[in-house]
PDB file of N, CA and C in Angstrom:
ATOM      1  N   MET A   1     140.422 167.346 122.438  1.00  0.00           N
ATOM      2  CA  MET A   1     140.217 168.591 121.726  1.00  0.00           C
ATOM      3  C   MET A   1     141.220 168.709 120.585  1.00  0.00           C
ATOM      4  N   ILE A   2     140.875 169.541 119.663  1.00  0.00           N
ATOM      5  CA  ILE A   2     141.738 169.777 118.513  1.00  0.00           C
ATOM      6  C   ILE A   2     142.768 170.831 118.894  1.00  0.00           C
ATOM      7  N   ASP A   3     144.048 170.492 118.741  1.00  0.00           N
ATOM      8  CA  ASP A   3     145.080 171.456 119.104  1.00  0.00           C
ATOM      9  C   ASP A   3     145.416 172.346 117.909  1.00  0.00           C
ATOM     10  N   GLU A   4     146.174 173.403 118.173  1.00  0.00           N
ATOM     11  CA  GLU A   4     146.479 174.403 117.144  1.00  0.00           C
ATOM     12  C   GLU A   4     147.332 173.839 116.019  1.00  0.00           C
ATOM     13  N   ARG A   5     148.255 172.947 116.345  1.00  0.00           N
ATOM     14  CA  ARG A   5     149.123 172.391 115.313  1.00  0.00           C
ATOM     15  C   ARG A   5     148.333 171.557 114.317  1.00  0.00           C
ATOM     16  N   LYS A   6     147.401 170.760 114.823  1.00  0.00           N
ATOM     17  CA  LYS A   6     146.573 169.951 113.943  1.00  0.00           C
ATOM     18  C   LYS A   6     145.700 170.835 113.057  1.00  0.00           C
ATOM     19  N   LEU A   7     145.185 171.925 113.613  1.00  0.00           N
ATOM     20  CA  LEU A   7     144.385 172.855 112.821  1.00  0.00           C
ATOM     21  C   LEU A   7     145.227 173.578 111.778  1.00  0.00           C
ATOM     22  N   ALA A   8     146.499 173.829 112.076  1.00  0.00           N
ATOM     23  CA  ALA A   8     147.374 174.478 111.103  1.00  0.00           C
ATOM     24  C   ALA A   8     147.691 173.542 109.932  1.00  0.00           C
ATOM     25  N   ILE A   9     147.834 172.262 110.238  1.00  0.00           N
ATOM     26  CA  ILE A   9     148.146 171.285 109.193  1.00  0.00           C
ATOM     27  C   ILE A   9     146.897 170.956 108.377  1.00  0.00           C
ATOM     28  N   HIS A  10     145.786 170.719 109.060  1.00  0.00           N
ATOM     29  CA  HIS A  10     144.513 170.380 108.416  1.00  0.00           C
ATOM     30  C   HIS A  10     143.459 171.383 108.871  1.00  0.00           C
ATOM     31  N   PRO A  11     143.362 172.523 108.202  1.00  0.00           N
ATOM     32  CA  PRO A  11     142.405 173.540 108.648  1.00  0.00           C
ATOM     33  C   PRO A  11     140.958 173.097 108.430  1.00  0.00           C
ATOM     34  N   VAL A  12     140.087 173.578 109.326  1.00  0.00           N
ATOM     35  CA  VAL A  12     138.667 173.283 109.236  1.00  0.00           C
ATOM     36  C   VAL A  12     137.995 174.417 108.480  1.00  0.00           C
ATOM     37  N   VAL A  13     137.342 174.084 107.382  1.00  0.00           N
ATOM     38  CA  VAL A  13     136.637 175.070 106.580  1.00  0.00           C
ATOM     39  C   VAL A  13     135.180 175.060 107.036  1.00  0.00           C
ATOM     40  N   GLN A  14     134.735 176.185 107.576  1.00  0.00           N
ATOM     41  CA  GLN A  14     133.405 176.254 108.175  1.00  0.00           C
ATOM     42  C   GLN A  14     132.298 175.968 107.161  1.00  0.00           C
ATOM     43  N   GLU A  15     132.458 176.397 105.922  1.00  0.00           N
ATOM     44  CA  GLU A  15     131.443 176.136 104.901  1.00  0.00           C
ATOM     45  C   GLU A  15     131.289 174.634 104.653  1.00  0.00           C
ATOM     46  N   SER A  16     132.386 173.917 104.666  1.00  0.00           N
ATOM     47  CA  SER A  16     132.324 172.472 104.459  1.00  0.00           C
ATOM     48  C   SER A  16     131.650 171.774 105.638  1.00  0.00           C
ATOM     49  N   VAL A  17     131.943 172.223 106.829  1.00  0.00           N
ATOM     50  CA  VAL A  17     131.318 171.648 108.021  1.00  0.00           C
ATOM     51  C   VAL A  17     129.808 171.881 107.980  1.00  0.00           C
ATOM     52  N   GLN A  18     129.393 173.093 107.610  1.00  0.00           N
ATOM     53  CA  GLN A  18     127.967 173.392 107.515  1.00  0.00           C
ATOM     54  C   GLN A  18     127.305 172.583 106.411  1.00  0.00           C
ATOM     55  N   HIS A  19     127.977 172.429 105.283  1.00  0.00           N
ATOM     56  CA  HIS A  19     127.429 171.636 104.177  1.00  0.00           C
ATOM     57  C   HIS A  19     127.244 170.181 104.598  1.00  0.00           C
ATOM     58  N   ASN A  20     128.230 169.601 105.261  1.00  0.00           N
ATOM     59  CA  ASN A  20     128.133 168.216 105.708  1.00  0.00           C
ATOM     60  C   ASN A  20     126.989 168.032 106.699  1.00  0.00           C
ATOM     61  N   ALA A  21     126.838 168.977 107.612  1.00  0.00           N
ATOM     62  CA  ALA A  21     125.745 168.896 108.583  1.00  0.00           C
ATOM     63  C   ALA A  21     124.388 169.031 107.892  1.00  0.00           C
ATOM     64  N   ARG A  22     124.308 169.897 106.890  1.00  0.00           N
ATOM     65  CA  ARG A  22     123.053 170.094 106.160  1.00  0.00           C
ATOM     66  C   ARG A  22     122.690 168.837 105.365  1.00  0.00           C
ATOM     67  N   VAL A  23     123.661 168.223 104.710  1.00  0.00           N
ATOM     68  CA  VAL A  23     123.412 166.999 103.945  1.00  0.00           C
ATOM     69  C   VAL A  23     122.955 165.880 104.874  1.00  0.00           C
ATOM     70  N   LEU A  24     123.614 165.730 106.010  1.00  0.00           N
ATOM     71  CA  LEU A  24     123.249 164.697 106.966  1.00  0.00           C
ATOM     72  C   LEU A  24     121.851 164.936 107.526  1.00  0.00           C
ATOM     73  N   SER A  25     121.501 166.188 107.784  1.00  0.00           N
ATOM     74  CA  SER A  25     120.169 166.525 108.283  1.00  0.00           C
ATOM     75  C   SER A  25     119.104 166.204 107.243  1.00  0.00           C
ATOM     76  N   ASN A  26     119.373 166.508 105.984  1.00  0.00           N
ATOM     77  CA  ASN A  26     118.421 166.194 104.914  1.00  0.00           C
ATOM     78  C   ASN A  26     118.220 164.691 104.765  1.00  0.00           C
ATOM     79  N   ILE A  27     119.294 163.932 104.853  1.00  0.00           N
ATOM     80  CA  ILE A  27     119.197 162.475 104.749  1.00  0.00           C
ATOM     81  C   ILE A  27     118.364 161.924 105.883  1.00  0.00           C
ATOM     82  N   ARG A  28     118.615 162.392 107.090  1.00  0.00           N
ATOM     83  CA  ARG A  28     117.880 161.883 108.253  1.00  0.00           C
ATOM     84  C   ARG A  28     116.402 162.262 108.215  1.00  0.00           C
ATOM     85  N   SER A  29     116.092 163.469 107.776  1.00  0.00           N
ATOM     86  CA  SER A  29     114.695 163.891 107.693  1.00  0.00           C
ATOM     87  C   SER A  29     113.936 163.066 106.658  1.00  0.00           C
ATOM     88  N   LEU A  30     114.555 162.874 105.514  1.00  0.00           N
ATOM     89  CA  LEU A  30     113.908 162.098 104.458  1.00  0.00           C
ATOM     90  C   LEU A  30     113.707 160.647 104.875  1.00  0.00           C
ATOM     91  N   THR A  31     114.721 160.040 105.444  1.00  0.00           N
ATOM     92  CA  THR A  31     114.592 158.632 105.829  1.00  0.00           C
ATOM     93  C   THR A  31     113.622 158.460 106.992  1.00  0.00           C
ATOM     94  N   ALA A  32     113.539 159.437 107.891  1.00  0.00           N
ATOM     95  CA  ALA A  32     112.568 159.340 108.984  1.00  0.00           C
ATOM     96  C   ALA A  32     111.155 159.318 108.428  1.00  0.00           C
ATOM     97  N   SER A  33     110.874 160.148 107.436  1.00  0.00           N
ATOM     98  CA  SER A  33     109.552 160.143 106.808  1.00  0.00           C
ATOM     99  C   SER A  33     109.299 158.830 106.069  1.00  0.00           C
ATOM    100  N   LEU A  34     110.314 158.323 105.381  1.00  0.00           N
ATOM    101  CA  LEU A  34     110.156 157.054 104.665  1.00  0.00           C
ATOM    102  C   LEU A  34     109.951 155.884 105.627  1.00  0.00           C
ATOM    103  N   PHE A  35     110.633 155.910 106.761  1.00  0.00           N
ATOM    104  CA  PHE A  35     110.420 154.876 107.771  1.00  0.00           C
ATOM    105  C   PHE A  35     109.014 154.976 108.350  1.00  0.00           C
ATOM    106  N   GLY A  36     108.491 156.185 108.480  1.00  0.00           N
ATOM    107  CA  GLY A  36     107.123 156.367 108.950  1.00  0.00           C
ATOM    108  C   GLY A  36     106.117 155.802 107.965  1.00  0.00           C
ATOM    109  N   VAL A  37     106.360 156.030 106.681  1.00  0.00           N
ATOM    110  CA  VAL A  37     105.482 155.465 105.646  1.00  0.00           C
ATOM    111  C   VAL A  37     105.508 153.943 105.720  1.00  0.00           C
ATOM    112  N   ALA A  38     106.701 153.377 105.827  1.00  0.00           N
ATOM    113  CA  ALA A  38     106.839 151.918 105.886  1.00  0.00           C
ATOM    114  C   ALA A  38     106.181 151.348 107.134  1.00  0.00           C
ATOM    115  N   ALA A  39     106.370 151.991 108.277  1.00  0.00           N
ATOM    116  CA  ALA A  39     105.766 151.499 109.519  1.00  0.00           C
ATOM    117  C   ALA A  39     104.247 151.587 109.454  1.00  0.00           C
ATOM    118  N   GLY A  40     103.712 152.630 108.838  1.00  0.00           N
ATOM    119  CA  GLY A  40     102.269 152.756 108.707  1.00  0.00           C
ATOM    120  C   GLY A  40     101.686 151.712 107.774  1.00  0.00           C
ATOM    121  N   ILE A  41     102.356 151.464 106.652  1.00  0.00           N
ATOM    122  CA  ILE A  41     101.871 150.461 105.701  1.00  0.00           C
ATOM    123  C   ILE A  41     101.961 149.063 106.304  1.00  0.00           C
ATOM    124  N   LEU A  42     103.027 148.802 107.070  1.00  0.00           N
ATOM    125  CA  LEU A  42     103.173 147.496 107.721  1.00  0.00           C
ATOM    126  C   LEU A  42     102.203 147.311 108.875  1.00  0.00           C
ATOM    127  N   GLY A  43     101.585 148.396 109.328  1.00  0.00           N
ATOM    128  CA  GLY A  43     100.616 148.307 110.424  1.00  0.00           C
ATOM    129  C   GLY A  43     101.255 148.136 111.791  1.00  0.00           C
ATOM    130  N   LEU A  44     102.469 148.627 111.952  1.00  0.00           N
ATOM    131  CA  LEU A  44     103.142 148.507 113.245  1.00  0.00           C
ATOM    132  C   LEU A  44     102.482 149.424 114.264  1.00  0.00           C
ATOM    133  N   GLU A  45     102.408 148.952 115.496  1.00  0.00           N
ATOM    134  CA  GLU A  45     101.812 149.732 116.565  1.00  0.00           C
ATOM    135  C   GLU A  45     102.760 149.766 117.756  1.00  0.00           C
ATOM    136  N   SER A  46     102.733 150.863 118.491  1.00  0.00           N
ATOM    137  CA  SER A  46     103.423 151.035 119.770  1.00  0.00           C
ATOM    138  C   SER A  46     104.925 150.762 119.671  1.00  0.00           C
ATOM    139  N   TYR A  47     105.431 149.901 120.552  1.00  0.00           N
ATOM    140  CA  TYR A  47     106.872 149.680 120.646  1.00  0.00           C
ATOM    141  C   TYR A  47     107.507 149.117 119.378  1.00  0.00           C
ATOM    142  N   PRO A  48     106.867 148.186 118.680  1.00  0.00           N
ATOM    143  CA  PRO A  48     107.493 147.717 117.430  1.00  0.00           C
ATOM    144  C   PRO A  48     107.715 148.840 116.413  1.00  0.00           C
ATOM    145  N   GLY A  49     106.824 149.822 116.381  1.00  0.00           N
ATOM    146  CA  GLY A  49     106.999 150.952 115.471  1.00  0.00           C
ATOM    147  C   GLY A  49     108.203 151.794 115.838  1.00  0.00           C
ATOM    148  N   PHE A  50     108.365 152.067 117.128  1.00  0.00           N
ATOM    149  CA  PHE A  50     109.508 152.851 117.573  1.00  0.00           C
ATOM    150  C   PHE A  50     110.816 152.076 117.419  1.00  0.00           C
ATOM    151  N   LEU A  51     110.776 150.770 117.646  1.00  0.00           N
ATOM    152  CA  LEU A  51     111.971 149.953 117.407  1.00  0.00           C
ATOM    153  C   LEU A  51     112.330 149.928 115.925  1.00  0.00           C
ATOM    154  N   PHE A  52     111.312 149.951 115.075  1.00  0.00           N
ATOM    155  CA  PHE A  52     111.541 150.034 113.634  1.00  0.00           C
ATOM    156  C   PHE A  52     112.275 151.330 113.286  1.00  0.00           C
ATOM    157  N   TYR A  53     111.849 152.432 113.898  1.00  0.00           N
ATOM    158  CA  TYR A  53     112.504 153.718 113.662  1.00  0.00           C
ATOM    159  C   TYR A  53     113.951 153.702 114.157  1.00  0.00           C
ATOM    160  N   LEU A  54     114.177 153.215 115.355  1.00  0.00           N
ATOM    161  CA  LEU A  54     115.540 153.184 115.900  1.00  0.00           C
ATOM    162  C   LEU A  54     116.450 152.274 115.074  1.00  0.00           C
ATOM    163  N   THR A  55     115.933 151.128 114.644  1.00  0.00           N
ATOM    164  CA  THR A  55     116.713 150.220 113.817  1.00  0.00           C
ATOM    165  C   THR A  55     117.034 150.865 112.463  1.00  0.00           C
ATOM    166  N   GLY A  56     116.038 151.498 111.876  1.00  0.00           N
ATOM    167  CA  GLY A  56     116.260 152.168 110.597  1.00  0.00           C
ATOM    168  C   GLY A  56     117.258 153.297 110.706  1.00  0.00           C
ATOM    169  N   THR A  57     117.186 154.062 111.793  1.00  0.00           N
ATOM    170  CA  THR A  57     118.128 155.152 112.005  1.00  0.00           C
ATOM    171  C   THR A  57     119.551 154.623 112.189  1.00  0.00           C
ATOM    172  N   LEU A  58     119.684 153.504 112.884  1.00  0.00           N
ATOM    173  CA  LEU A  58     120.996 152.888 113.043  1.00  0.00           C
ATOM    174  C   LEU A  58     121.548 152.419 111.699  1.00  0.00           C
ATOM    175  N   VAL A  59     120.692 151.833 110.868  1.00  0.00           N
ATOM    176  CA  VAL A  59     121.120 151.376 109.541  1.00  0.00           C
ATOM    177  C   VAL A  59     121.554 152.561 108.683  1.00  0.00           C
ATOM    178  N   VAL A  60     120.797 153.664 108.744  1.00  0.00           N
ATOM    179  CA  VAL A  60     121.170 154.857 107.976  1.00  0.00           C
ATOM    180  C   VAL A  60     122.504 155.406 108.468  1.00  0.00           C
ATOM    181  N   SER A  61     122.719 155.411 109.779  1.00  0.00           N
ATOM    182  CA  SER A  61     123.996 155.880 110.315  1.00  0.00           C
ATOM    183  C   SER A  61     125.151 155.010 109.839  1.00  0.00           C
ATOM    184  N   LEU A  62     124.943 153.705 109.810  1.00  0.00           N
ATOM    185  CA  LEU A  62     125.982 152.805 109.315  1.00  0.00           C
ATOM    186  C   LEU A  62     126.249 153.041 107.830  1.00  0.00           C
ATOM    187  N   LEU A  63     125.201 153.239 107.057  1.00  0.00           N
ATOM    188  CA  LEU A  63     125.385 153.511 105.631  1.00  0.00           C
ATOM    189  C   LEU A  63     126.133 154.818 105.396  1.00  0.00           C
ATOM    190  N   VAL A  64     125.801 155.840 106.161  1.00  0.00           N
ATOM    191  CA  VAL A  64     126.511 157.120 106.038  1.00  0.00           C
ATOM    192  C   VAL A  64     127.972 156.930 106.438  1.00  0.00           C
ATOM    193  N   PHE A  65     128.202 156.170 107.497  1.00  0.00           N
ATOM    194  CA  PHE A  65     129.563 155.936 107.975  1.00  0.00           C
ATOM    195  C   PHE A  65     130.406 155.251 106.901  1.00  0.00           C
ATOM    196  N   PHE A  66     129.854 154.227 106.262  1.00  0.00           N
ATOM    197  CA  PHE A  66     130.646 153.453 105.307  1.00  0.00           C
ATOM    198  C   PHE A  66     130.649 154.032 103.902  1.00  0.00           C
ATOM    199  N   THR A  67     129.586 154.720 103.485  1.00  0.00           N
ATOM    200  CA  THR A  67     129.541 155.215 102.114  1.00  0.00           C
ATOM    201  C   THR A  67     129.961 156.676 102.011  1.00  0.00           C
ATOM    202  N   LEU A  68     129.288 157.552 102.719  1.00  0.00           N
ATOM    203  CA  LEU A  68     129.599 158.974 102.591  1.00  0.00           C
ATOM    204  C   LEU A  68     130.878 159.366 103.319  1.00  0.00           C
ATOM    205  N   ALA A  69     131.069 158.833 104.522  1.00  0.00           N
ATOM    206  CA  ALA A  69     132.266 159.190 105.296  1.00  0.00           C
ATOM    207  C   ALA A  69     133.436 158.259 105.012  1.00  0.00           C
ATOM    208  N   GLU A  70     133.232 157.255 104.175  1.00  0.00           N
ATOM    209  CA  GLU A  70     134.290 156.320 103.778  1.00  0.00           C
ATOM    210  C   GLU A  70     135.007 155.702 104.973  1.00  0.00           C
ATOM    211  N   ALA A  71     134.246 155.424 106.036  1.00  0.00           N
ATOM    212  CA  ALA A  71     134.747 154.820 107.276  1.00  0.00           C
ATOM    213  C   ALA A  71     135.815 155.677 107.964  1.00  0.00           C
ATOM    214  N   ARG A  72     135.895 156.951 107.595  1.00  0.00           N
ATOM    215  CA  ARG A  72     136.816 157.896 108.241  1.00  0.00           C
ATOM    216  C   ARG A  72     136.057 159.188 108.560  1.00  0.00           C
ATOM    217  N   PRO A  73     135.155 159.159 109.533  1.00  0.00           N
ATOM    218  CA  PRO A  73     134.325 160.336 109.797  1.00  0.00           C
ATOM    219  C   PRO A  73     135.103 161.539 110.322  1.00  0.00           C
ATOM    220  N   ALA A  74     136.309 161.336 110.808  1.00  0.00           N
ATOM    221  CA  ALA A  74     137.092 162.468 111.312  1.00  0.00           C
ATOM    222  C   ALA A  74     137.443 163.450 110.196  1.00  0.00           C
ATOM    223  N   ARG A  75     137.466 162.970 108.962  1.00  0.00           N
ATOM    224  CA  ARG A  75     137.758 163.854 107.830  1.00  0.00           C
ATOM    225  C   ARG A  75     136.593 164.774 107.494  1.00  0.00           C
ATOM    226  N   TYR A  76     135.386 164.364 107.851  1.00  0.00           N
ATOM    227  CA  TYR A  76     134.202 165.083 107.406  1.00  0.00           C
ATOM    228  C   TYR A  76     133.405 165.750 108.519  1.00  0.00           C
ATOM    229  N   PHE A  77     133.604 165.315 109.756  1.00  0.00           N
ATOM    230  CA  PHE A  77     132.839 165.852 110.876  1.00  0.00           C
ATOM    231  C   PHE A  77     133.778 166.226 112.008  1.00  0.00           C
ATOM    232  N   GLN A  78     133.463 167.332 112.689  1.00  0.00           N
ATOM    233  CA  GLN A  78     134.289 167.743 113.822  1.00  0.00           C
ATOM    234  C   GLN A  78     134.077 166.815 115.009  1.00  0.00           C
ATOM    235  N   SER A  79     132.844 166.577 115.345  1.00  0.00           N
ATOM    236  CA  SER A  79     132.513 165.689 116.455  1.00  0.00           C
ATOM    237  C   SER A  79     131.865 164.436 115.878  1.00  0.00           C
ATOM    238  N   GLN A  80     132.621 163.359 115.791  1.00  0.00           N
ATOM    239  CA  GLN A  80     132.141 162.158 115.122  1.00  0.00           C
ATOM    240  C   GLN A  80     130.941 161.548 115.818  1.00  0.00           C
ATOM    241  N   LEU A  81     131.001 161.480 117.138  1.00  0.00           N
ATOM    242  CA  LEU A  81     129.941 160.805 117.878  1.00  0.00           C
ATOM    243  C   LEU A  81     128.622 161.546 117.782  1.00  0.00           C
ATOM    244  N   SER A  82     128.647 162.831 118.041  1.00  0.00           N
ATOM    245  CA  SER A  82     127.379 163.566 118.046  1.00  0.00           C
ATOM    246  C   SER A  82     126.895 163.891 116.641  1.00  0.00           C
ATOM    247  N   ASP A  83     127.782 164.227 115.715  1.00  0.00           N
ATOM    248  CA  ASP A  83     127.364 164.593 114.367  1.00  0.00           C
ATOM    249  C   ASP A  83     126.874 163.392 113.564  1.00  0.00           C
ATOM    250  N   LEU A  84     127.596 162.307 113.624  1.00  0.00           N
ATOM    251  CA  LEU A  84     127.275 161.167 112.780  1.00  0.00           C
ATOM    252  C   LEU A  84     126.273 160.219 113.421  1.00  0.00           C
ATOM    253  N   TRP A  85     126.447 159.906 114.687  1.00  0.00           N
ATOM    254  CA  TRP A  85     125.621 158.884 115.313  1.00  0.00           C
ATOM    255  C   TRP A  85     124.433 159.453 116.090  1.00  0.00           C
ATOM    256  N   GLY A  86     124.586 160.620 116.693  1.00  0.00           N
ATOM    257  CA  GLY A  86     123.516 161.114 117.556  1.00  0.00           C
ATOM    258  C   GLY A  86     122.706 162.260 117.001  1.00  0.00           C
ATOM    259  N   ALA A  87     123.176 162.887 115.947  1.00  0.00           N
ATOM    260  CA  ALA A  87     122.494 164.069 115.422  1.00  0.00           C
ATOM    261  C   ALA A  87     121.145 163.700 114.835  1.00  0.00           C
ATOM    262  N   GLU A  88     120.166 164.505 115.096  1.00  0.00           N
ATOM    263  CA  GLU A  88     118.826 164.359 114.518  1.00  0.00           C
ATOM    264  C   GLU A  88     118.151 163.042 114.891  1.00  0.00           C
ATOM    265  N   LEU A  89     118.613 162.374 115.930  1.00  0.00           N
ATOM    266  CA  LEU A  89     117.975 161.120 116.324  1.00  0.00           C
ATOM    267  C   LEU A  89     116.539 161.376 116.759  1.00  0.00           C
ATOM    268  N   PHE A  90     116.342 162.393 117.588  1.00  0.00           N
ATOM    269  CA  PHE A  90     114.998 162.712 118.037  1.00  0.00           C
ATOM    270  C   PHE A  90     114.369 163.818 117.205  1.00  0.00           C
ATOM    271  N   GLY A  91     115.153 164.491 116.371  1.00  0.00           N
ATOM    272  CA  GLY A  91     114.609 165.513 115.489  1.00  0.00           C
ATOM    273  C   GLY A  91     113.755 164.906 114.387  1.00  0.00           C
ATOM    274  N   GLY A  92     114.124 163.746 113.911  1.00  0.00           N
ATOM    275  CA  GLY A  92     113.352 163.062 112.883  1.00  0.00           C
ATOM    276  C   GLY A  92     112.186 162.274 113.433  1.00  0.00           C
ATOM    277  N   LEU A  93     112.128 162.165 114.751  1.00  0.00           N
ATOM    278  CA  LEU A  93     111.064 161.383 115.377  1.00  0.00           C
ATOM    279  C   LEU A  93     109.686 161.981 115.112  1.00  0.00           C
ATOM    280  N   SER A  94     109.594 163.293 115.100  1.00  0.00           N
ATOM    281  CA  SER A  94     108.285 163.920 114.874  1.00  0.00           C
ATOM    282  C   SER A  94     107.787 163.660 113.449  1.00  0.00           C
ATOM    283  N   SER A  95     108.654 163.753 112.454  1.00  0.00           N
ATOM    284  CA  SER A  95     108.215 163.468 111.088  1.00  0.00           C
ATOM    285  C   SER A  95     107.925 161.981 110.915  1.00  0.00           C
ATOM    286  N   PHE A  96     108.656 161.130 111.635  1.00  0.00           N
ATOM    287  CA  PHE A  96     108.365 159.698 111.604  1.00  0.00           C
ATOM    288  C   PHE A  96     106.968 159.424 112.137  1.00  0.00           C
ATOM    289  N   VAL A  97     106.659 159.970 113.300  1.00  0.00           N
ATOM    290  CA  VAL A  97     105.351 159.733 113.914  1.00  0.00           C
ATOM    291  C   VAL A  97     104.237 160.314 113.047  1.00  0.00           C
ATOM    292  N   LEU A  98     104.461 161.467 112.468  1.00  0.00           N
ATOM    293  CA  LEU A  98     103.455 162.090 111.617  1.00  0.00           C
ATOM    294  C   LEU A  98     103.120 161.213 110.408  1.00  0.00           C
ATOM    295  N   THR A  99     104.139 160.761 109.686  1.00  0.00           N
ATOM    296  CA  THR A  99     103.875 159.934 108.510  1.00  0.00           C
ATOM    297  C   THR A  99     103.416 158.534 108.901  1.00  0.00           C
ATOM    298  N   TRP A 100     103.884 158.053 110.031  1.00  0.00           N
ATOM    299  CA  TRP A 100     103.469 156.741 110.530  1.00  0.00           C
ATOM    300  C   TRP A 100     101.968 156.728 110.796  1.00  0.00           C
ATOM    301  N   THR A 101     101.489 157.707 111.542  1.00  0.00           N
ATOM    302  CA  THR A 101     100.064 157.749 111.860  1.00  0.00           C
ATOM    303  C   THR A 101      99.217 158.040 110.617  1.00  0.00           C
ATOM    304  N   LEU A 102      99.715 158.872 109.712  1.00  0.00           N
ATOM    305  CA  LEU A 102      98.981 159.170 108.485  1.00  0.00           C
ATOM    306  C   LEU A 102      98.775 157.910 107.655  1.00  0.00           C
ATOM    307  N   PHE A 103      99.846 157.185 107.382  1.00  0.00           N
ATOM    308  CA  PHE A 103      99.735 156.004 106.537  1.00  0.00           C
ATOM    309  C   PHE A 103      99.078 154.839 107.262  1.00  0.00           C
ATOM    310  N   TYR A 104      99.231 154.763 108.563  1.00  0.00           N
ATOM    311  CA  TYR A 104      98.503 153.735 109.324  1.00  0.00           C
ATOM    312  C   TYR A 104      97.001 153.983 109.207  1.00  0.00           C
ATOM    313  N   GLY A 105      96.593 155.244 109.332  1.00  0.00           N
ATOM    314  CA  GLY A 105      95.183 155.575 109.193  1.00  0.00           C
ATOM    315  C   GLY A 105      94.660 155.354 107.782  1.00  0.00           C
ATOM    316  N   LEU A 106      95.473 155.642 106.769  1.00  0.00           N
ATOM    317  CA  LEU A 106      95.042 155.442 105.389  1.00  0.00           C
ATOM    318  C   LEU A 106      94.897 153.957 105.054  1.00  0.00           C
ATOM    319  N   VAL A 107      95.806 153.135 105.554  1.00  0.00           N
ATOM    320  CA  VAL A 107      95.767 151.707 105.246  1.00  0.00           C
ATOM    321  C   VAL A 107      94.654 151.017 106.021  1.00  0.00           C
ATOM    322  N   ARG A 108      94.451 151.401 107.265  1.00  0.00           N
ATOM    323  CA  ARG A 108      93.469 150.730 108.116  1.00  0.00           C
ATOM    324  C   ARG A 108      92.052 151.264 107.944  1.00  0.00           C
ATOM    325  N   ALA A 109      91.880 152.354 107.219  1.00  0.00           N
ATOM    326  CA  ALA A 109      90.534 152.956 107.085  1.00  0.00           C
ATOM    327  C   ALA A 109      89.679 152.230 106.083  1.00  0.00           C
TER     328      ALA A 109
END
């Protein structure tokens, strides 16, 4: 847990925390839809499609870790594990499946 002395030295600004979470949510939502488009165009079905989504989400998390968080996520997120690696993992799944099935149907029709 974060102790009082650490908070006094490096205060947490709630607006910045909310902004970072909003930016990360927007990135994940957009990439989930783009992964759905790609999976539909590639004609992936069943487990390979879901593995494509999980792999893509992992790649996006790594890119955010190294580019946006500059490999120091403690500076930008309160809870590194849940905010950076686990957030929106299943929240983007619905938009992935929606665009996946849409583009799969458009390509195969």
